Amino acid sequence: MKKLVLVLFVMFAGLTLQAQEKKSKNANHNIEVNGNCGQCKKRIEKAAYTVKGVKSAAWQEDDKTLHLIMDETKANVSDVHAAVAKSGHDTDKVKATDEAYKNLHHCCQYERQ
């Protein structure tokens, strides 16, 4: 009888754990990030990779978009916005501090809005 109760308990626990909602892994996100040149590209991508869970980060100079692939169970997009802004580049959601912006190389200082 004890074995039957134990088996039923393990089956019930297993079904309950499977029913929980999981965040998606390897989700794609696009973030608008201001920048001008190849130095900006390296800095923006490096900042994105500092966020645990970012698997791919590619900033396109022509459309000013950072294309991300990230594991949403480890991080969220707002973490990437904050990391990129900390490096001196404004995103569509988070503006870099004036001090971080002024620390950018003169060719990297884009027009701020």
PDB file of N, CA and C in Angstrom:
ATOM      1  N   MET A   1       0.819  -1.201   0.000  1.00  0.00           N
ATOM      2  CA  MET A   1       0.000   0.000   0.000  1.00  0.00           C
ATOM      3  C   MET A   1       0.866   1.270   0.000  1.00  0.00           C
ATOM      4  N   LYS A   2       1.958   1.241   0.778  1.00  0.00           N
ATOM      5  CA  LYS A   2       2.848   2.389   0.848  1.00  0.00           C
ATOM      6  C   LYS A   2       3.477   2.662  -0.515  1.00  0.00           C
ATOM      7  N   LYS A   3       3.836   1.587  -1.242  1.00  0.00           N
ATOM      8  CA  LYS A   3       4.436   1.750  -2.556  1.00  0.00           C
ATOM      9  C   LYS A   3       3.447   2.365  -3.535  1.00  0.00           C
ATOM     10  N   LEU A   4       2.193   1.958  -3.448  1.00  0.00           N
ATOM     11  CA  LEU A   4       1.162   2.505  -4.328  1.00  0.00           C
ATOM     12  C   LEU A   4       0.964   3.995  -4.077  1.00  0.00           C
ATOM     13  N   VAL A   5       0.911   4.387  -2.829  1.00  0.00           N
ATOM     14  CA  VAL A   5       0.758   5.801  -2.478  1.00  0.00           C
ATOM     15  C   VAL A   5       1.982   6.587  -2.951  1.00  0.00           C
ATOM     16  N   LEU A   6       3.159   6.028  -2.775  1.00  0.00           N
ATOM     17  CA  LEU A   6       4.380   6.692  -3.205  1.00  0.00           C
ATOM     18  C   LEU A   6       4.414   6.866  -4.726  1.00  0.00           C
ATOM     19  N   VAL A   7       4.035   5.831  -5.464  1.00  0.00           N
ATOM     20  CA  VAL A   7       4.006   5.903  -6.920  1.00  0.00           C
ATOM     21  C   VAL A   7       2.995   6.951  -7.376  1.00  0.00           C
ATOM     22  N   LEU A   8       1.815   6.968  -6.784  1.00  0.00           N
ATOM     23  CA  LEU A   8       0.807   7.966  -7.145  1.00  0.00           C
ATOM     24  C   LEU A   8       1.287   9.381  -6.838  1.00  0.00           C
ATOM     25  N   PHE A   9       1.961   9.552  -5.711  1.00  0.00           N
ATOM     26  CA  PHE A   9       2.473  10.864  -5.342  1.00  0.00           C
ATOM     27  C   PHE A   9       3.516  11.346  -6.350  1.00  0.00           C
ATOM     28  N   VAL A  10       4.434  10.478  -6.747  1.00  0.00           N
ATOM     29  CA  VAL A  10       5.475  10.838  -7.712  1.00  0.00           C
ATOM     30  C   VAL A  10       4.847  11.175  -9.060  1.00  0.00           C
ATOM     31  N   MET A  11       3.863  10.417  -9.491  1.00  0.00           N
ATOM     32  CA  MET A  11       3.187  10.703 -10.764  1.00  0.00           C
ATOM     33  C   MET A  11       2.478  12.053 -10.698  1.00  0.00           C
ATOM     34  N   PHE A  12       1.784  12.322  -9.605  1.00  0.00           N
ATOM     35  CA  PHE A  12       1.081  13.589  -9.451  1.00  0.00           C
ATOM     36  C   PHE A  12       2.058  14.765  -9.444  1.00  0.00           C
ATOM     37  N   ALA A  13       3.172  14.613  -8.732  1.00  0.00           N
ATOM     38  CA  ALA A  13       4.170  15.676  -8.669  1.00  0.00           C
ATOM     39  C   ALA A  13       4.768  15.926 -10.055  1.00  0.00           C
ATOM     40  N   GLY A  14       5.024  14.866 -10.795  1.00  0.00           N
ATOM     41  CA  GLY A  14       5.573  15.011 -12.137  1.00  0.00           C
ATOM     42  C   GLY A  14       4.626  15.735 -13.068  1.00  0.00           C
ATOM     43  N   LEU A  15       3.354  15.411 -13.009  1.00  0.00           N
ATOM     44  CA  LEU A  15       2.364  16.078 -13.850  1.00  0.00           C
ATOM     45  C   LEU A  15       2.208  17.546 -13.472  1.00  0.00           C
ATOM     46  N   THR A  16       2.278  17.835 -12.208  1.00  0.00           N
ATOM     47  CA  THR A  16       2.148  19.216 -11.744  1.00  0.00           C
ATOM     48  C   THR A  16       3.315  20.057 -12.232  1.00  0.00           C
ATOM     49  N   LEU A  17       4.513  19.519 -12.173  1.00  0.00           N
ATOM     50  CA  LEU A  17       5.688  20.267 -12.618  1.00  0.00           C
ATOM     51  C   LEU A  17       5.660  20.519 -14.114  1.00  0.00           C
ATOM     52  N   GLN A  18       5.148  19.575 -14.889  1.00  0.00           N
ATOM     53  CA  GLN A  18       5.080  19.762 -16.336  1.00  0.00           C
ATOM     54  C   GLN A  18       4.040  20.797 -16.723  1.00  0.00           C
ATOM     55  N   ALA A  19       3.042  20.990 -15.912  1.00  0.00           N
ATOM     56  CA  ALA A  19       1.963  21.911 -16.242  1.00  0.00           C
ATOM     57  C   ALA A  19       2.344  23.371 -16.012  1.00  0.00           C
ATOM     58  N   GLN A  20       3.446  23.625 -15.302  1.00  0.00           N
ATOM     59  CA  GLN A  20       3.857  24.999 -15.048  1.00  0.00           C
ATOM     60  C   GLN A  20       4.305  25.661 -16.339  1.00  0.00           C
ATOM     61  N   GLU A  21       3.989  26.950 -16.455  1.00  0.00           N
ATOM     62  CA  GLU A  21       4.367  27.711 -17.646  1.00  0.00           C
ATOM     63  C   GLU A  21       5.862  27.976 -17.637  1.00  0.00           C
ATOM     64  N   LYS A  22       6.483  27.763 -18.775  1.00  0.00           N
ATOM     65  CA  LYS A  22       7.909  28.021 -18.912  1.00  0.00           C
ATOM     66  C   LYS A  22       8.116  29.217 -19.823  1.00  0.00           C
ATOM     67  N   LYS A  23       9.113  30.038 -19.483  1.00  0.00           N
ATOM     68  CA  LYS A  23       9.486  31.119 -20.391  1.00  0.00           C
ATOM     69  C   LYS A  23      10.204  30.497 -21.579  1.00  0.00           C
ATOM     70  N   SER A  24      10.076  31.147 -22.711  1.00  0.00           N
ATOM     71  CA  SER A  24      10.681  30.585 -23.915  1.00  0.00           C
ATOM     72  C   SER A  24      12.193  30.795 -23.906  1.00  0.00           C
ATOM     73  N   LYS A  25      12.894  29.793 -24.393  1.00  0.00           N
ATOM     74  CA  LYS A  25      14.337  29.910 -24.571  1.00  0.00           C
ATOM     75  C   LYS A  25      14.602  30.400 -25.981  1.00  0.00           C
ATOM     76  N   ASN A  26      15.726  31.058 -26.152  1.00  0.00           N
ATOM     77  CA  ASN A  26      16.162  31.527 -27.463  1.00  0.00           C
ATOM     78  C   ASN A  26      15.135  32.414 -28.156  1.00  0.00           C
ATOM     79  N   ALA A  27      14.621  33.379 -27.438  1.00  0.00           N
ATOM     80  CA  ALA A  27      13.677  34.338 -28.010  1.00  0.00           C
ATOM     81  C   ALA A  27      14.437  35.407 -28.781  1.00  0.00           C
ATOM     82  N   ASN A  28      13.835  35.890 -29.849  1.00  0.00           N
ATOM     83  CA  ASN A  28      14.420  36.956 -30.667  1.00  0.00           C
ATOM     84  C   ASN A  28      13.843  38.300 -30.252  1.00  0.00           C
ATOM     85  N   HIS A  29      14.702  39.302 -30.166  1.00  0.00           N
ATOM     86  CA  HIS A  29      14.276  40.663 -29.839  1.00  0.00           C
ATOM     87  C   HIS A  29      15.081  41.634 -30.688  1.00  0.00           C
ATOM     88  N   ASN A  30      14.470  42.760 -31.011  1.00  0.00           N
ATOM     89  CA  ASN A  30      15.138  43.847 -31.724  1.00  0.00           C
ATOM     90  C   ASN A  30      15.027  45.109 -30.888  1.00  0.00           C
ATOM     91  N   ILE A  31      16.154  45.789 -30.698  1.00  0.00           N
ATOM     92  CA  ILE A  31      16.197  47.003 -29.891  1.00  0.00           C
ATOM     93  C   ILE A  31      16.812  48.106 -30.740  1.00  0.00           C
ATOM     94  N   GLU A  32      16.180  49.264 -30.747  1.00  0.00           N
ATOM     95  CA  GLU A  32      16.769  50.413 -31.428  1.00  0.00           C
ATOM     96  C   GLU A  32      17.843  51.004 -30.526  1.00  0.00           C
ATOM     97  N   VAL A  33      19.064  51.145 -31.079  1.00  0.00           N
ATOM     98  CA  VAL A  33      20.195  51.666 -30.319  1.00  0.00           C
ATOM     99  C   VAL A  33      20.911  52.708 -31.174  1.00  0.00           C
ATOM    100  N   ASN A  34      21.128  53.894 -30.621  1.00  0.00           N
ATOM    101  CA  ASN A  34      21.829  54.949 -31.347  1.00  0.00           C
ATOM    102  C   ASN A  34      23.330  54.701 -31.351  1.00  0.00           C
ATOM    103  N   GLY A  35      23.940  54.958 -32.496  1.00  0.00           N
ATOM    104  CA  GLY A  35      25.377  54.806 -32.667  1.00  0.00           C
ATOM    105  C   GLY A  35      25.758  55.246 -34.069  1.00  0.00           C
ATOM    106  N   ASN A  36      27.071  55.286 -34.365  1.00  0.00           N
ATOM    107  CA  ASN A  36      27.535  55.810 -35.648  1.00  0.00           C
ATOM    108  C   ASN A  36      28.459  54.898 -36.436  1.00  0.00           C
ATOM    109  N   CYS A  37      29.295  54.117 -35.767  1.00  0.00           N
ATOM    110  CA  CYS A  37      30.422  53.515 -36.483  1.00  0.00           C
ATOM    111  C   CYS A  37      30.739  52.107 -35.988  1.00  0.00           C
ATOM    112  N   GLY A  38      31.846  51.575 -36.481  1.00  0.00           N
ATOM    113  CA  GLY A  38      32.297  50.249 -36.098  1.00  0.00           C
ATOM    114  C   GLY A  38      32.679  50.150 -34.633  1.00  0.00           C
ATOM    115  N   GLN A  39      33.225  51.244 -34.087  1.00  0.00           N
ATOM    116  CA  GLN A  39      33.537  51.251 -32.653  1.00  0.00           C
ATOM    117  C   GLN A  39      32.266  51.130 -31.833  1.00  0.00           C
ATOM    118  N   CYS A  40      31.224  51.817 -32.286  1.00  0.00           N
ATOM    119  CA  CYS A  40      29.933  51.738 -31.603  1.00  0.00           C
ATOM    120  C   CYS A  40      29.415  50.301 -31.640  1.00  0.00           C
ATOM    121  N   LYS A  41      29.528  49.679 -32.812  1.00  0.00           N
ATOM    122  CA  LYS A  41      29.064  48.297 -32.981  1.00  0.00           C
ATOM    123  C   LYS A  41      29.728  47.382 -31.959  1.00  0.00           C
ATOM    124  N   LYS A  42      31.042  47.467 -31.848  1.00  0.00           N
ATOM    125  CA  LYS A  42      31.764  46.620 -30.898  1.00  0.00           C
ATOM    126  C   LYS A  42      31.323  46.889 -29.465  1.00  0.00           C
ATOM    127  N   ARG A  43      31.179  48.173 -29.109  1.00  0.00           N
ATOM    128  CA  ARG A  43      30.809  48.557 -27.752  1.00  0.00           C
ATOM    129  C   ARG A  43      29.393  48.091 -27.413  1.00  0.00           C
ATOM    130  N   ILE A  44      28.457  48.282 -28.347  1.00  0.00           N
ATOM    131  CA  ILE A  44      27.059  47.906 -28.112  1.00  0.00           C
ATOM    132  C   ILE A  44      26.939  46.388 -27.955  1.00  0.00           C
ATOM    133  N   GLU A  45      27.572  45.644 -28.853  1.00  0.00           N
ATOM    134  CA  GLU A  45      27.495  44.186 -28.792  1.00  0.00           C
ATOM    135  C   GLU A  45      28.173  43.657 -27.529  1.00  0.00           C
ATOM    136  N   LYS A  46      29.307  44.243 -27.158  1.00  0.00           N
ATOM    137  CA  LYS A  46      30.009  43.835 -25.943  1.00  0.00           C
ATOM    138  C   LYS A  46      29.133  44.078 -24.714  1.00  0.00           C
ATOM    139  N   ALA A  47      28.452  45.218 -24.679  1.00  0.00           N
ATOM    140  CA  ALA A  47      27.563  45.529 -23.557  1.00  0.00           C
ATOM    141  C   ALA A  47      26.411  44.526 -23.482  1.00  0.00           C
ATOM    142  N   ALA A  48      25.858  44.162 -24.633  1.00  0.00           N
ATOM    143  CA  ALA A  48      24.758  43.191 -24.650  1.00  0.00           C
ATOM    144  C   ALA A  48      25.223  41.840 -24.124  1.00  0.00           C
ATOM    145  N   TYR A  49      26.422  41.430 -24.506  1.00  0.00           N
ATOM    146  CA  TYR A  49      26.939  40.130 -24.069  1.00  0.00           C
ATOM    147  C   TYR A  49      27.255  40.083 -22.572  1.00  0.00           C
ATOM    148  N   THR A  50      27.335  41.235 -21.908  1.00  0.00           N
ATOM    149  CA  THR A  50      27.561  41.222 -20.456  1.00  0.00           C
ATOM    150  C   THR A  50      26.338  40.721 -19.711  1.00  0.00           C
ATOM    151  N   VAL A  51      25.192  40.707 -20.373  1.00  0.00           N
ATOM    152  CA  VAL A  51      23.960  40.224 -19.750  1.00  0.00           C
ATOM    153  C   VAL A  51      23.911  38.707 -19.882  1.00  0.00           C
ATOM    154  N   LYS A  52      23.832  38.035 -18.743  1.00  0.00           N
ATOM    155  CA  LYS A  52      23.773  36.577 -18.739  1.00  0.00           C
ATOM    156  C   LYS A  52      22.515  36.128 -19.471  1.00  0.00           C
ATOM    157  N   GLY A  53      22.660  35.227 -20.402  1.00  0.00           N
ATOM    158  CA  GLY A  53      21.523  34.723 -21.165  1.00  0.00           C
ATOM    159  C   GLY A  53      21.497  35.205 -22.601  1.00  0.00           C
ATOM    160  N   VAL A  54      22.278  36.237 -22.923  1.00  0.00           N
ATOM    161  CA  VAL A  54      22.346  36.715 -24.308  1.00  0.00           C
ATOM    162  C   VAL A  54      23.240  35.755 -25.085  1.00  0.00           C
ATOM    163  N   LYS A  55      22.668  35.152 -26.121  1.00  0.00           N
ATOM    164  CA  LYS A  55      23.411  34.174 -26.923  1.00  0.00           C
ATOM    165  C   LYS A  55      23.948  34.777 -28.209  1.00  0.00           C
ATOM    166  N   SER A  56      23.254  35.778 -28.744  1.00  0.00           N
ATOM    167  CA  SER A  56      23.691  36.432 -29.968  1.00  0.00           C
ATOM    168  C   SER A  56      23.289  37.898 -29.903  1.00  0.00           C
ATOM    169  N   ALA A  57      24.210  38.769 -30.313  1.00  0.00           N
ATOM    170  CA  ALA A  57      23.942  40.204 -30.353  1.00  0.00           C
ATOM    171  C   ALA A  57      24.626  40.769 -31.589  1.00  0.00           C
ATOM    172  N   ALA A  58      23.847  41.371 -32.470  1.00  0.00           N
ATOM    173  CA  ALA A  58      24.396  41.946 -33.697  1.00  0.00           C
ATOM    174  C   ALA A  58      23.736  43.292 -33.947  1.00  0.00           C
ATOM    175  N   TRP A  59      24.542  44.367 -33.896  1.00  0.00           N
ATOM    176  CA  TRP A  59      24.031  45.717 -34.135  1.00  0.00           C
ATOM    177  C   TRP A  59      24.281  46.083 -35.585  1.00  0.00           C
ATOM    178  N   GLN A  60      23.245  46.570 -36.241  1.00  0.00           N
ATOM    179  CA  GLN A  60      23.336  46.971 -37.644  1.00  0.00           C
ATOM    180  C   GLN A  60      23.417  48.492 -37.721  1.00  0.00           C
ATOM    181  N   GLU A  61      24.496  48.989 -38.307  1.00  0.00           N
ATOM    182  CA  GLU A  61      24.719  50.436 -38.393  1.00  0.00           C
ATOM    183  C   GLU A  61      23.687  51.120 -39.278  1.00  0.00           C
ATOM    184  N   ASP A  62      23.252  50.458 -40.338  1.00  0.00           N
ATOM    185  CA  ASP A  62      22.348  51.106 -41.284  1.00  0.00           C
ATOM    186  C   ASP A  62      20.953  51.356 -40.714  1.00  0.00           C
ATOM    187  N   ASP A  63      20.412  50.432 -39.908  1.00  0.00           N
ATOM    188  CA  ASP A  63      19.075  50.655 -39.356  1.00  0.00           C
ATOM    189  C   ASP A  63      19.081  50.887 -37.841  1.00  0.00           C
ATOM    190  N   LYS A  64      20.286  50.961 -37.257  1.00  0.00           N
ATOM    191  CA  LYS A  64      20.454  51.256 -35.817  1.00  0.00           C
ATOM    192  C   LYS A  64      19.668  50.284 -34.938  1.00  0.00           C
ATOM    193  N   THR A  65      19.709  49.002 -35.307  1.00  0.00           N
ATOM    194  CA  THR A  65      18.958  47.993 -34.569  1.00  0.00           C
ATOM    195  C   THR A  65      19.896  46.915 -34.039  1.00  0.00           C
ATOM    196  N   LEU A  66      19.711  46.581 -32.769  1.00  0.00           N
ATOM    197  CA  LEU A  66      20.437  45.489 -32.146  1.00  0.00           C
ATOM    198  C   LEU A  66      19.540  44.254 -32.200  1.00  0.00           C
ATOM    199  N   HIS A  67      19.982  43.235 -32.905  1.00  0.00           N
ATOM    200  CA  HIS A  67      19.236  41.983 -33.038  1.00  0.00           C
ATOM    201  C   HIS A  67      19.766  41.014 -31.990  1.00  0.00           C
ATOM    202  N   LEU A  68      18.873  40.538 -31.136  1.00  0.00           N
ATOM    203  CA  LEU A  68      19.262  39.678 -30.023  1.00  0.00           C
ATOM    204  C   LEU A  68      18.625  38.301 -30.121  1.00  0.00           C
ATOM    205  N   ILE A  69      19.361  37.314 -29.669  1.00  0.00           N
ATOM    206  CA  ILE A  69      18.801  36.010 -29.352  1.00  0.00           C
ATOM    207  C   ILE A  69      19.209  35.768 -27.908  1.00  0.00           C
ATOM    208  N   MET A  70      18.210  35.536 -27.056  1.00  0.00           N
ATOM    209  CA  MET A  70      18.517  35.396 -25.638  1.00  0.00           C
ATOM    210  C   MET A  70      17.638  34.368 -24.965  1.00  0.00           C
ATOM    211  N   ASP A  71      18.160  33.797 -23.916  1.00  0.00           N
ATOM    212  CA  ASP A  71      17.449  32.840 -23.088  1.00  0.00           C
ATOM    213  C   ASP A  71      16.671  33.636 -22.046  1.00  0.00           C
ATOM    214  N   GLU A  72      15.369  33.704 -22.194  1.00  0.00           N
ATOM    215  CA  GLU A  72      14.552  34.520 -21.296  1.00  0.00           C
ATOM    216  C   GLU A  72      14.395  33.924 -19.908  1.00  0.00           C
ATOM    217  N   THR A  73      14.880  32.700 -19.705  1.00  0.00           N
ATOM    218  CA  THR A  73      14.846  32.142 -18.355  1.00  0.00           C
ATOM    219  C   THR A  73      16.000  32.680 -17.519  1.00  0.00           C
ATOM    220  N   LYS A  74      16.996  33.282 -18.157  1.00  0.00           N
ATOM    221  CA  LYS A  74      18.161  33.811 -17.452  1.00  0.00           C
ATOM    222  C   LYS A  74      18.184  35.326 -17.375  1.00  0.00           C
ATOM    223  N   ALA A  75      17.527  36.007 -18.316  1.00  0.00           N
ATOM    224  CA  ALA A  75      17.552  37.479 -18.340  1.00  0.00           C
ATOM    225  C   ALA A  75      16.336  37.983 -19.095  1.00  0.00           C
ATOM    226  N   ASN A  76      16.142  39.291 -19.040  1.00  0.00           N
ATOM    227  CA  ASN A  76      15.058  39.883 -19.825  1.00  0.00           C
ATOM    228  C   ASN A  76      15.605  41.061 -20.634  1.00  0.00           C
ATOM    229  N   VAL A  77      14.793  41.542 -21.535  1.00  0.00           N
ATOM    230  CA  VAL A  77      15.228  42.584 -22.466  1.00  0.00           C
ATOM    231  C   VAL A  77      15.591  43.875 -21.735  1.00  0.00           C
ATOM    232  N   SER A  78      14.914  44.169 -20.644  1.00  0.00           N
ATOM    233  CA  SER A  78      15.223  45.410 -19.924  1.00  0.00           C
ATOM    234  C   SER A  78      16.650  45.389 -19.370  1.00  0.00           C
ATOM    235  N   ASP A  79      17.163  44.207 -19.059  1.00  0.00           N
ATOM    236  CA  ASP A  79      18.563  44.102 -18.615  1.00  0.00           C
ATOM    237  C   ASP A  79      19.515  44.518 -19.739  1.00  0.00           C
ATOM    238  N   VAL A  80      19.193  44.146 -20.966  1.00  0.00           N
ATOM    239  CA  VAL A  80      20.036  44.510 -22.111  1.00  0.00           C
ATOM    240  C   VAL A  80      19.948  46.014 -22.358  1.00  0.00           C
ATOM    241  N   HIS A  81      18.741  46.586 -22.274  1.00  0.00           N
ATOM    242  CA  HIS A  81      18.586  48.040 -22.431  1.00  0.00           C
ATOM    243  C   HIS A  81      19.483  48.769 -21.431  1.00  0.00           C
ATOM    244  N   ALA A  82      19.463  48.332 -20.179  1.00  0.00           N
ATOM    245  CA  ALA A  82      20.248  48.989 -19.131  1.00  0.00           C
ATOM    246  C   ALA A  82      21.753  48.846 -19.396  1.00  0.00           C
ATOM    247  N   ALA A  83      22.191  47.672 -19.819  1.00  0.00           N
ATOM    248  CA  ALA A  83      23.621  47.448 -20.075  1.00  0.00           C
ATOM    249  C   ALA A  83      24.114  48.298 -21.238  1.00  0.00           C
ATOM    250  N   VAL A  84      23.316  48.396 -22.294  1.00  0.00           N
ATOM    251  CA  VAL A  84      23.712  49.191 -23.459  1.00  0.00           C
ATOM    252  C   VAL A  84      23.730  50.675 -23.098  1.00  0.00           C
ATOM    253  N   ALA A  85      22.750  51.126 -22.348  1.00  0.00           N
ATOM    254  CA  ALA A  85      22.712  52.530 -21.925  1.00  0.00           C
ATOM    255  C   ALA A  85      23.895  52.850 -21.021  1.00  0.00           C
ATOM    256  N   LYS A  86      24.292  51.904 -20.196  1.00  0.00           N
ATOM    257  CA  LYS A  86      25.443  52.110 -19.312  1.00  0.00           C
ATOM    258  C   LYS A  86      26.726  52.312 -20.124  1.00  0.00           C
ATOM    259  N   SER A  87      26.773  51.717 -21.327  1.00  0.00           N
ATOM    260  CA  SER A  87      27.956  51.864 -22.174  1.00  0.00           C
ATOM    261  C   SER A  87      27.984  53.207 -22.909  1.00  0.00           C
ATOM    262  N   GLY A  88      26.888  53.991 -22.818  1.00  0.00           N
ATOM    263  CA  GLY A  88      26.861  55.324 -23.420  1.00  0.00           C
ATOM    264  C   GLY A  88      25.923  55.474 -24.600  1.00  0.00           C
ATOM    265  N   HIS A  89      25.196  54.426 -24.962  1.00  0.00           N
ATOM    266  CA  HIS A  89      24.312  54.461 -26.124  1.00  0.00           C
ATOM    267  C   HIS A  89      22.854  54.430 -25.694  1.00  0.00           C
ATOM    268  N   ASP A  90      22.073  55.383 -26.215  1.00  0.00           N
ATOM    269  CA  ASP A  90      20.642  55.427 -25.926  1.00  0.00           C
ATOM    270  C   ASP A  90      19.934  54.293 -26.654  1.00  0.00           C
ATOM    271  N   THR A  91      18.958  53.693 -25.977  1.00  0.00           N
ATOM    272  CA  THR A  91      18.094  52.712 -26.626  1.00  0.00           C
ATOM    273  C   THR A  91      16.710  53.324 -26.753  1.00  0.00           C
ATOM    274  N   ASP A  92      15.797  52.590 -27.355  1.00  0.00           N
ATOM    275  CA  ASP A  92      14.444  53.114 -27.495  1.00  0.00           C
ATOM    276  C   ASP A  92      13.695  53.156 -26.164  1.00  0.00           C
ATOM    277  N   LYS A  93      14.227  52.528 -25.122  1.00  0.00           N
ATOM    278  CA  LYS A  93      13.562  52.533 -23.820  1.00  0.00           C
ATOM    279  C   LYS A  93      14.374  53.190 -22.704  1.00  0.00           C
ATOM    280  N   VAL A  94      15.711  53.150 -22.803  1.00  0.00           N
ATOM    281  CA  VAL A  94      16.572  53.680 -21.739  1.00  0.00           C
ATOM    282  C   VAL A  94      17.590  54.639 -22.344  1.00  0.00           C
ATOM    283  N   LYS A  95      17.680  55.839 -21.747  1.00  0.00           N
ATOM    284  CA  LYS A  95      18.634  56.839 -22.207  1.00  0.00           C
ATOM    285  C   LYS A  95      19.899  56.731 -21.361  1.00  0.00           C
ATOM    286  N   ALA A  96      21.051  56.800 -22.033  1.00  0.00           N
ATOM    287  CA  ALA A  96      22.336  56.765 -21.336  1.00  0.00           C
ATOM    288  C   ALA A  96      22.507  58.032 -20.502  1.00  0.00           C
ATOM    289  N   THR A  97      23.275  57.928 -19.443  1.00  0.00           N
ATOM    290  CA  THR A  97      23.554  59.119 -18.646  1.00  0.00           C
ATOM    291  C   THR A  97      24.426  60.068 -19.462  1.00  0.00           C
ATOM    292  N   ASP A  98      24.368  61.344 -19.128  1.00  0.00           N
ATOM    293  CA  ASP A  98      25.187  62.332 -19.836  1.00  0.00           C
ATOM    294  C   ASP A  98      26.669  62.014 -19.677  1.00  0.00           C
ATOM    295  N   GLU A  99      27.052  61.540 -18.508  1.00  0.00           N
ATOM    296  CA  GLU A  99      28.462  61.204 -18.256  1.00  0.00           C
ATOM    297  C   GLU A  99      28.911  60.040 -19.149  1.00  0.00           C
ATOM    298  N   ALA A 100      28.085  59.006 -19.264  1.00  0.00           N
ATOM    299  CA  ALA A 100      28.436  57.860 -20.113  1.00  0.00           C
ATOM    300  C   ALA A 100      28.515  58.289 -21.575  1.00  0.00           C
ATOM    301  N   TYR A 101      27.595  59.149 -21.998  1.00  0.00           N
ATOM    302  CA  TYR A 101      27.599  59.635 -23.375  1.00  0.00           C
ATOM    303  C   TYR A 101      28.864  60.455 -23.659  1.00  0.00           C
ATOM    304  N   LYS A 102      29.249  61.321 -22.724  1.00  0.00           N
ATOM    305  CA  LYS A 102      30.431  62.171 -22.916  1.00  0.00           C
ATOM    306  C   LYS A 102      31.726  61.359 -22.946  1.00  0.00           C
ATOM    307  N   ASN A 103      31.710  60.158 -22.367  1.00  0.00           N
ATOM    308  CA  ASN A 103      32.892  59.299 -22.376  1.00  0.00           C
ATOM    309  C   ASN A 103      33.087  58.578 -23.704  1.00  0.00           C
ATOM    310  N   LEU A 104      32.114  58.665 -24.602  1.00  0.00           N
ATOM    311  CA  LEU A 104      32.258  58.052 -25.922  1.00  0.00           C
ATOM    312  C   LEU A 104      33.293  58.817 -26.737  1.00  0.00           C
ATOM    313  N   HIS A 105      33.964  58.119 -27.632  1.00  0.00           N
ATOM    314  CA  HIS A 105      34.897  58.745 -28.564  1.00  0.00           C
ATOM    315  C   HIS A 105      34.131  59.784 -29.376  1.00  0.00           C
ATOM    316  N   HIS A 106      34.790  60.856 -29.821  1.00  0.00           N
ATOM    317  CA  HIS A 106      34.081  61.944 -30.506  1.00  0.00           C
ATOM    318  C   HIS A 106      33.351  61.472 -31.770  1.00  0.00           C
ATOM    319  N   CYS A 107      33.867  60.465 -32.475  1.00  0.00           N
ATOM    320  CA  CYS A 107      33.170  59.994 -33.680  1.00  0.00           C
ATOM    321  C   CYS A 107      31.939  59.162 -33.323  1.00  0.00           C
ATOM    322  N   CYS A 108      31.872  58.716 -32.081  1.00  0.00           N
ATOM    323  CA  CYS A 108      30.747  57.881 -31.646  1.00  0.00           C
ATOM    324  C   CYS A 108      29.609  58.698 -31.039  1.00  0.00           C
ATOM    325  N   GLN A 109      29.830  59.984 -30.831  1.00  0.00           N
ATOM    326  CA  GLN A 109      28.797  60.807 -30.224  1.00  0.00           C
ATOM    327  C   GLN A 109      27.744  61.172 -31.271  1.00  0.00           C
ATOM    328  N   TYR A 110      26.672  60.461 -31.239  1.00  0.00           N
ATOM    329  CA  TYR A 110      25.543  60.622 -32.146  1.00  0.00           C
ATOM    330  C   TYR A 110      24.689  61.797 -31.710  1.00  0.00           C
ATOM    331  N   GLU A 111      23.759  62.207 -32.556  1.00  0.00           N
ATOM    332  CA  GLU A 111      22.824  63.271 -32.196  1.00  0.00           C
ATOM    333  C   GLU A 111      21.792  62.727 -31.218  1.00  0.00           C
ATOM    334  N   ARG A 112      21.728  63.317 -30.049  1.00  0.00           N
ATOM    335  CA  ARG A 112      20.763  62.878 -29.048  1.00  0.00           C
ATOM    336  C   ARG A 112      19.449  63.625 -29.231  1.00  0.00           C
ATOM    337  N   GLN A 113      18.393  62.949 -28.909  1.00  0.00           N
ATOM    338  CA  GLN A 113      17.062  63.571 -29.026  1.00  0.00           C
ATOM    339  C   GLN A 113      16.560  64.039 -27.697  1.00  0.00           C
TER     340      GLN A 113
END
